[in-house]
Protein backbone atom coordinates (compact mmCIF):
# COMPACT_ATOMS: atom_id res chain seq x y z
CA MET A 1 79.71 73.02 -81.32
CA PRO A 2 77.42 72.26 -84.31
CA LYS A 3 79.45 70.14 -86.91
CA TYR A 4 79.41 72.09 -89.93
CA GLU A 5 81.58 70.74 -93.21
CA ILE A 6 84.79 72.30 -93.38
CA ILE A 7 86.59 72.21 -96.60
CA ILE A 8 90.75 73.11 -96.29
CA TYR A 9 92.50 73.58 -99.38
CA TRP A 10 96.10 75.22 -99.92
CA SER A 11 95.91 78.74 -102.16
CA ALA A 12 99.20 79.82 -103.45
CA ASP A 13 97.79 83.36 -104.15
CA ASP A 14 97.37 83.63 -100.56
CA ALA A 15 100.12 81.28 -99.46
CA ALA A 16 97.79 79.70 -96.86
CA PHE A 17 95.55 77.07 -96.29
CA ILE A 18 91.88 78.32 -96.66
CA ALA A 19 89.27 76.84 -94.65
CA GLU A 20 85.36 77.34 -96.03
CA VAL A 21 82.41 76.50 -94.28
CA PRO A 22 80.02 76.22 -97.44
CA GLU A 23 76.82 75.88 -95.35
CA LEU A 24 77.33 79.41 -93.76
CA PRO A 25 77.51 81.99 -95.89
CA GLY A 26 80.69 84.16 -95.89
CA CYS A 27 82.37 81.91 -93.35
CA ALA A 28 85.78 81.25 -94.00
CA ALA A 29 89.48 81.29 -92.25
CA ASP A 30 92.75 80.85 -93.07
CA GLY A 31 96.06 79.87 -91.72
CA ALA A 32 99.73 79.29 -92.33
CA SER A 33 99.27 75.55 -91.58
CA TYR A 34 96.34 72.83 -92.02
CA GLN A 35 95.84 72.75 -88.57
CA GLU A 36 95.58 76.32 -87.95
CA ALA A 37 93.20 77.10 -90.54
CA LEU A 38 91.22 74.24 -88.98
CA SER A 39 91.23 75.75 -85.75
CA ASN A 40 90.62 79.29 -87.11
CA ALA A 41 87.49 77.90 -88.89
CA GLU A 42 86.09 76.48 -85.43
CA ILE A 43 86.66 79.77 -84.02
CA VAL A 44 84.84 81.48 -86.96
CA ILE A 45 81.74 79.24 -87.11
CA ARG A 46 81.16 79.87 -83.30
CA GLU A 47 81.56 83.88 -84.03
CA TRP A 48 79.17 83.21 -87.11
CA ILE A 49 76.39 81.51 -84.62
CA GLU A 50 76.87 84.16 -82.51
CA THR A 51 76.58 86.92 -84.52
CA ALA A 52 73.58 85.54 -86.47
CA LYS A 53 71.74 84.82 -83.14
CA GLU A 54 72.42 88.58 -82.08
CA LEU A 55 70.67 89.65 -85.41
CA GLY A 56 67.89 87.23 -84.96
CA ARG A 57 68.86 85.50 -88.29
CA ASP A 58 68.52 81.94 -89.37
CA ILE A 59 71.16 79.55 -88.20
CA PRO A 60 71.44 76.52 -90.97
CA GLU A 61 71.21 73.07 -89.47
CA PRO A 62 74.64 71.09 -90.43
CA LYS A 63 73.60 68.51 -93.11
CA GLY A 64 77.08 66.42 -93.04
CA ARG A 65 78.54 65.67 -96.26
CA LEU A 66 77.64 68.43 -99.03
CA LEU A 67 75.32 67.40 -101.66
CA PHE A 68 76.75 69.39 -104.17
CA ALA A 69 80.48 69.04 -104.18
């Protein structure tokens, strides 16, 4: 699986950890624990890439550390 940066933070509003993948627009997951959010994000990344391939969309190459964070 490509190595995209995942940002994980606690959301009091959602009462869950949120995992965002900034390089893949709209790609995010959540979980009751940090580890669950990370695991769910890995699943969503694979699904995001599969869907992009099916739709013939470009898939960004992972850049590693975010330059704009």
